[in-house]
């Protein structure tokens, strides 16, 4: 990402203990949660959330969600900041 500043990169992760302090602005990092995410991981996220652009939470299949599951009509994951995006379990 540092070598290609004109390209936006993004990744979902549950690895909240990693050091993301050197993350360039064109690398969008999205925290991923689901019902199995333990409390200690959530605490690590809270400690390091300044490095994350958004959160992505998987919800039950029938629950309302904010993700249309079609990136061609929605680009919120990499263009917006501070969102909790919910997606149905699939």
Protein backbone atom coordinates (compact mmCIF):
# COMPACT_ATOMS: atom_id res chain seq x y z
CA UNK A 1 0.00 0.00 0.00
CA UNK A 2 2.86 2.37 0.76
CA UNK A 3 4.34 1.67 -2.67
CA UNK A 4 1.06 2.35 -4.49
CA UNK A 5 -0.46 5.44 -2.82
CA UNK A 6 -3.00 5.96 -5.63
CA UNK A 7 -4.67 2.60 -4.93
CA UNK A 8 -6.99 1.96 -2.00
CA UNK A 9 -6.36 -1.32 -0.19
CA UNK A 10 -8.62 -2.79 2.44
CA UNK A 11 -8.76 -5.80 4.71
CA UNK A 12 -11.02 -7.28 7.35
CA UNK A 13 -9.36 -8.61 10.48
CA UNK A 14 -10.03 -10.06 13.91
CA UNK A 15 -6.32 -9.72 14.79
CA UNK A 16 -6.70 -6.73 17.08
CA UNK A 17 -3.38 -7.40 18.85
CA UNK A 18 -1.25 -6.62 15.77
CA UNK A 19 0.61 -3.32 15.51
CA UNK A 20 -1.08 -1.26 12.80
CA UNK A 21 0.64 2.00 13.74
CA UNK A 22 2.47 2.14 10.40
CA UNK A 23 -0.70 1.70 8.33
CA UNK A 24 -0.77 4.16 5.43
CA UNK A 25 -3.92 6.23 4.75
CA UNK A 26 -4.72 4.27 1.58
CA UNK A 27 -4.98 1.02 3.56
CA UNK A 28 -8.48 0.75 5.01
CA UNK A 29 -8.61 -1.61 7.96
CA UNK A 30 -11.97 -3.00 9.00
CA UNK A 31 -12.49 -4.73 12.35
CA UNK A 32 -14.58 -7.88 12.02
CA UNK A 33 -16.94 -9.13 14.73
CA UNK A 34 -19.53 -11.86 15.06
CA UNK A 35 -21.40 -13.51 17.91
CA UNK A 36 -18.37 -15.69 18.71
CA UNK A 37 -15.94 -12.79 19.20
CA UNK A 38 -14.77 -13.11 22.82
CA UNK A 39 -14.78 -10.21 25.26
CA UNK A 40 -10.98 -10.09 25.45
CA UNK A 41 -10.76 -9.54 21.68
CA UNK A 42 -13.37 -6.78 21.90
CA UNK A 43 -11.28 -5.17 24.64
CA UNK A 44 -8.19 -5.31 22.40
CA UNK A 45 -10.17 -3.65 19.64
CA UNK A 46 -11.24 -0.86 22.01
CA UNK A 47 -7.59 -0.34 22.97
CA UNK A 48 -6.46 -0.17 19.32
CA UNK A 49 -9.55 1.14 17.51
CA UNK A 50 -7.76 4.31 16.37
CA UNK A 51 -6.09 2.18 13.68
CA UNK A 52 -9.39 0.89 12.27
CA UNK A 53 -11.52 2.71 9.75
CA UNK A 54 -14.79 0.83 10.29
CA UNK A 55 -16.25 -2.22 11.96
CA UNK A 56 -17.98 -5.07 10.22
CA UNK A 57 -20.43 -7.09 12.29
CA UNK A 58 -21.98 -10.33 11.09
CA UNK A 59 -25.60 -10.65 12.24
CA UNK A 60 -28.14 -13.47 12.01
CA UNK A 61 -29.40 -14.33 8.54
CA UNK A 62 -32.88 -12.87 9.15
CA UNK A 63 -31.72 -9.74 11.04
CA UNK A 64 -31.74 -6.30 9.42
CA UNK A 65 -28.34 -5.30 8.00
CA UNK A 66 -26.74 -2.25 6.43
CA UNK A 67 -24.67 -4.12 3.85
CA UNK A 68 -26.40 -4.77 0.51
CA UNK A 69 -23.86 -7.58 -0.16
CA UNK A 70 -23.06 -6.03 -3.54
CA UNK A 71 -19.90 -3.92 -3.57
CA UNK A 72 -20.72 -2.59 -7.04
CA UNK A 73 -23.56 -0.50 -5.56
CA UNK A 74 -21.97 0.32 -2.20
CA UNK A 75 -18.46 1.44 -1.36
CA UNK A 76 -18.88 2.43 2.29
CA UNK A 77 -16.25 -0.03 3.56
CA UNK A 78 -13.42 1.92 1.96
CA UNK A 79 -14.82 5.42 1.41
CA UNK A 80 -16.46 6.18 4.77
CA UNK A 81 -14.96 6.20 8.24
CA UNK A 82 -16.42 5.39 11.63
CA UNK A 83 -19.22 3.11 10.46
CA UNK A 84 -20.46 -0.13 11.98
CA UNK A 85 -21.47 -2.05 8.88
CA UNK A 86 -23.69 -5.06 9.52
CA UNK A 87 -23.96 -7.98 7.14
CA UNK A 88 -26.14 -11.05 7.29
CA UNK A 89 -24.52 -14.37 8.04
CA UNK A 90 -24.10 -16.40 4.86
